[in-house]
Amino acid sequence: REKRRLVHPMFLSVYQKLLKTGGMLHLKTDDTPFFEYAKEMLGNIQGDFLFETDNLYTNPPPGFDLEIQTTYEKIFRSKGKNISFLSFRFR
C-alpha cells in the first residue's frame, strides 16, 4: 500500500515536475503515522518545510483559509480528531 500513498517518492517526483518553480505542496491529514511518514519522505528530497503543525485549527499558518475543508476532514473533526498540516516547497 505504500506505493499508493500521496507522498511516496514516485508521486513526489510527479509533483516536482508539475509545480511551477517555487510552487508549494500542502498536506492535511488526521492520521498521525501518515503525517510522520510524509515528513520523512519530504525530508529525503531537496526542499523546505514552510509550515508544520499537528493541529491546524489551533495553530493555522498566517492567511490560511480554514473554511475550505474536505468531506473527510469535516467527519474526523466532528469526531474530535486533530488535523495535521504541512506546507513544503521543492527546490
Protein backbone atom coordinates (compact mmCIF):
# COMPACT_ATOMS: atom_id res chain seq x y z
CA ARG A 1 0.00 0.00 0.00
CA GLU A 2 2.96 2.31 0.48
CA LYS A 3 3.24 2.86 -3.27
CA ARG A 4 -0.27 4.34 -3.24
CA ARG A 5 0.48 6.97 -0.63
CA LEU A 6 0.40 10.53 -1.97
CA VAL A 7 3.86 11.23 -0.59
CA HIS A 8 5.53 8.11 -1.99
CA PRO A 9 8.73 9.14 -3.84
CA MET A 10 7.10 8.23 -7.17
CA PHE A 11 4.30 10.78 -6.59
CA LEU A 12 6.70 13.39 -5.20
CA SER A 13 8.71 13.28 -8.43
CA VAL A 14 5.49 13.89 -10.39
CA TYR A 15 4.54 16.85 -8.18
CA GLN A 16 8.02 18.32 -8.68
CA LYS A 17 7.54 18.21 -12.45
CA LEU A 18 4.01 19.63 -12.35
CA LEU A 19 4.56 22.52 -9.95
CA LYS A 20 5.95 25.80 -11.15
CA THR A 21 9.26 26.90 -9.68
CA GLY A 22 8.54 27.92 -6.11
CA GLY A 23 5.23 26.01 -6.10
CA MET A 24 4.14 24.55 -2.78
CA LEU A 25 2.74 21.24 -1.67
CA HIS A 26 0.14 21.37 1.12
CA LEU A 27 -0.89 18.27 3.04
CA LYS A 28 -3.70 17.87 5.57
CA THR A 29 -4.37 14.60 7.38
CA ASP A 30 -5.96 13.21 10.52
CA ASP A 31 -3.60 10.19 10.51
CA THR A 32 -0.56 10.80 12.72
CA PRO A 33 1.51 7.86 11.37
CA PHE A 34 0.86 9.06 7.81
CA PHE A 35 1.85 12.60 8.79
CA GLU A 36 5.14 11.32 10.23
CA TYR A 37 5.71 9.23 7.09
CA ALA A 38 5.06 12.30 4.92
CA LYS A 39 7.60 14.37 6.85
CA GLU A 40 10.15 11.58 6.49
CA MET A 41 9.61 11.25 2.72
CA LEU A 42 9.73 15.01 2.17
CA GLY A 43 12.83 15.25 4.34
CA ASN A 44 14.59 12.91 1.90
CA ILE A 45 14.28 15.30 -1.05
CA GLN A 46 15.58 18.80 -1.66
CA GLY A 47 13.12 21.34 -0.41
CA ASP A 48 11.98 23.36 2.54
CA PHE A 49 9.27 22.86 5.13
CA LEU A 50 7.48 26.21 5.24
CA PHE A 51 4.96 25.39 7.94
CA GLU A 52 4.07 22.39 10.06
CA THR A 53 1.53 21.79 12.81
CA ASP A 54 -0.11 18.79 14.44
CA ASN A 55 -3.34 20.77 14.94
CA LEU A 56 -4.30 23.03 12.06
CA TYR A 57 -7.29 24.53 13.84
CA THR A 58 -5.41 25.71 16.91
CA ASN A 59 -2.23 26.71 15.05
CA PRO A 60 -3.03 27.68 11.44
CA PRO A 61 -0.48 29.26 9.12
CA PRO A 62 -0.93 33.01 8.59
CA GLY A 63 -3.60 33.73 5.98
CA PHE A 64 -4.68 30.09 5.60
CA ASP A 65 -8.41 29.67 4.82
CA LEU A 66 -9.78 27.26 7.43
CA GLU A 67 -13.22 27.34 5.79
CA ILE A 68 -12.03 25.08 2.97
CA GLN A 69 -12.45 21.54 4.30
CA THR A 70 -12.65 18.14 2.67
CA THR A 71 -15.58 15.84 3.42
CA TYR A 72 -13.32 13.53 5.41
CA GLU A 73 -11.78 16.44 7.28
CA LYS A 74 -15.25 17.52 8.43
CA ILE A 75 -16.09 13.96 9.52
CA PHE A 76 -12.89 13.47 11.51
CA ARG A 77 -13.07 16.92 13.10
CA SER A 78 -16.64 16.16 14.23
CA LYS A 79 -15.21 13.08 15.95
CA GLY A 80 -12.65 15.23 17.78
CA LYS A 81 -9.59 14.24 15.74
CA ASN A 82 -6.83 16.78 15.13
CA ILE A 83 -5.92 17.69 11.57
CA SER A 84 -2.18 17.87 10.94
CA PHE A 85 -0.88 20.16 8.21
CA LEU A 86 2.36 20.87 6.43
CA SER A 87 3.46 23.12 3.62
CA PHE A 88 6.52 22.20 1.59
CA ARG A 89 8.39 23.87 -1.28
CA PHE A 90 10.55 21.89 -3.69
CA ARG A 91 13.95 23.35 -4.61
